[in-house]
Amino acid sequence: MIRANEDIEAAQIMAGHKNISTTEIYAKKDDAKGDAVALKYE
């Protein structure tokens, strides 16, 4: 939820991960953001 509402770095800090690659495994991407960008430039 933090990654979706803030960014990956905020999710990393809140999760206490040393490496952002760990956060990328556990914090799912927000597909809605990609959809919104696609619609914006359609």
N, C-alpha and C. Protein backbone atom coordinates (compact mmCIF):
# COMPACT_ATOMS: atom_id res chain seq x y z
N MET A 1 0.83 -1.18 0.00
CA MET A 1 0.00 0.00 0.00
C MET A 1 0.88 1.26 0.00
N ILE A 2 1.98 1.22 0.72
CA ILE A 2 2.87 2.39 0.76
C ILE A 2 3.46 2.65 -0.61
N ARG A 3 3.87 1.60 -1.30
CA ARG A 3 4.45 1.79 -2.63
C ARG A 3 3.43 2.41 -3.57
N ALA A 4 2.18 2.00 -3.48
CA ALA A 4 1.14 2.53 -4.36
C ALA A 4 0.84 3.99 -4.07
N ASN A 5 0.87 4.37 -2.81
CA ASN A 5 0.48 5.73 -2.43
C ASN A 5 1.65 6.70 -2.33
N GLU A 6 2.83 6.18 -2.17
CA GLU A 6 4.03 7.02 -2.04
C GLU A 6 5.00 6.66 -3.16
N ASP A 7 6.02 5.89 -2.83
CA ASP A 7 6.95 5.40 -3.85
C ASP A 7 7.73 4.22 -3.28
N ILE A 8 8.57 3.63 -4.11
CA ILE A 8 9.31 2.43 -3.72
C ILE A 8 10.28 2.73 -2.58
N GLU A 9 10.88 3.91 -2.58
CA GLU A 9 11.82 4.26 -1.52
C GLU A 9 11.13 4.35 -0.17
N ALA A 10 9.94 4.91 -0.14
CA ALA A 10 9.18 4.98 1.11
C ALA A 10 8.83 3.58 1.60
N ALA A 11 8.47 2.71 0.69
CA ALA A 11 8.16 1.32 1.05
C ALA A 11 9.39 0.62 1.61
N GLN A 12 10.55 0.88 0.99
CA GLN A 12 11.80 0.29 1.46
C GLN A 12 12.09 0.72 2.89
N ILE A 13 11.97 1.99 3.15
CA ILE A 13 12.26 2.52 4.48
C ILE A 13 11.31 1.94 5.52
N MET A 14 10.03 1.93 5.20
CA MET A 14 9.03 1.43 6.16
C MET A 14 9.20 -0.07 6.43
N ALA A 15 9.63 -0.81 5.41
CA ALA A 15 9.82 -2.25 5.58
C ALA A 15 11.15 -2.59 6.24
N GLY A 16 12.06 -1.62 6.26
CA GLY A 16 13.36 -1.86 6.87
C GLY A 16 14.30 -2.67 6.00
N HIS A 17 14.07 -2.65 4.69
CA HIS A 17 14.94 -3.40 3.79
C HIS A 17 16.21 -2.62 3.49
N LYS A 18 17.33 -3.31 3.53
CA LYS A 18 18.61 -2.68 3.23
C LYS A 18 18.74 -2.40 1.73
N ASN A 19 18.27 -3.33 0.92
CA ASN A 19 18.37 -3.21 -0.53
C ASN A 19 16.98 -3.02 -1.15
N ILE A 20 16.89 -2.12 -2.10
CA ILE A 20 15.61 -1.85 -2.76
C ILE A 20 15.13 -3.06 -3.55
N SER A 21 16.06 -3.91 -3.96
CA SER A 21 15.67 -5.12 -4.70
C SER A 21 14.81 -6.03 -3.84
N THR A 22 15.04 -6.04 -2.54
CA THR A 22 14.20 -6.83 -1.63
C THR A 22 12.80 -6.26 -1.60
N THR A 23 12.69 -4.95 -1.53
CA THR A 23 11.39 -4.30 -1.51
C THR A 23 10.63 -4.59 -2.79
N GLU A 24 11.34 -4.60 -3.92
CA GLU A 24 10.69 -4.88 -5.20
C GLU A 24 10.06 -6.27 -5.24
N ILE A 25 10.60 -7.20 -4.48
CA ILE A 25 10.05 -8.56 -4.41
C ILE A 25 8.74 -8.55 -3.62
N TYR A 26 8.71 -7.85 -2.50
CA TYR A 26 7.58 -7.93 -1.59
C TYR A 26 6.51 -6.85 -1.78
N ALA A 27 6.87 -5.70 -2.32
CA ALA A 27 5.91 -4.62 -2.52
C ALA A 27 5.42 -4.66 -3.96
N LYS A 28 4.19 -5.08 -4.14
CA LYS A 28 3.64 -5.23 -5.49
C LYS A 28 3.55 -3.89 -6.21
N LYS A 29 3.72 -3.95 -7.51
CA LYS A 29 3.58 -2.76 -8.34
C LYS A 29 2.11 -2.38 -8.42
N ASP A 30 1.87 -1.10 -8.58
CA ASP A 30 0.52 -0.59 -8.71
C ASP A 30 0.16 -0.48 -10.19
N ASP A 31 -0.52 -1.49 -10.70
CA ASP A 31 -0.87 -1.51 -12.11
C ASP A 31 -1.78 -0.35 -12.50
N ALA A 32 -2.54 0.16 -11.56
CA ALA A 32 -3.44 1.28 -11.83
C ALA A 32 -2.66 2.52 -12.26
N LYS A 33 -1.46 2.71 -11.71
CA LYS A 33 -0.63 3.85 -12.11
C LYS A 33 -0.25 3.74 -13.58
N GLY A 34 0.13 2.56 -14.01
CA GLY A 34 0.48 2.34 -15.41
C GLY A 34 -0.72 2.55 -16.31
N ASP A 35 -1.87 2.09 -15.89
CA ASP A 35 -3.09 2.28 -16.67
C ASP A 35 -3.42 3.76 -16.80
N ALA A 36 -3.27 4.50 -15.72
CA ALA A 36 -3.57 5.94 -15.74
C ALA A 36 -2.64 6.67 -16.69
N VAL A 37 -1.37 6.31 -16.71
CA VAL A 37 -0.42 6.95 -17.62
C VAL A 37 -0.76 6.59 -19.06
N ALA A 38 -1.10 5.35 -19.31
CA ALA A 38 -1.45 4.93 -20.67
C ALA A 38 -2.66 5.71 -21.18
N LEU A 39 -3.65 5.88 -20.34
CA LEU A 39 -4.84 6.63 -20.74
C LEU A 39 -4.52 8.10 -20.98
N LYS A 40 -3.62 8.63 -20.21
CA LYS A 40 -3.24 10.04 -20.33
C LYS A 40 -2.62 10.33 -21.69
N TYR A 41 -1.84 9.40 -22.21
CA TYR A 41 -1.11 9.62 -23.45
C TYR A 41 -1.72 8.86 -24.63
N GLU A 42 -2.92 8.39 -24.47
CA GLU A 42 -3.60 7.63 -25.51
C GLU A 42 -4.00 8.50 -26.67
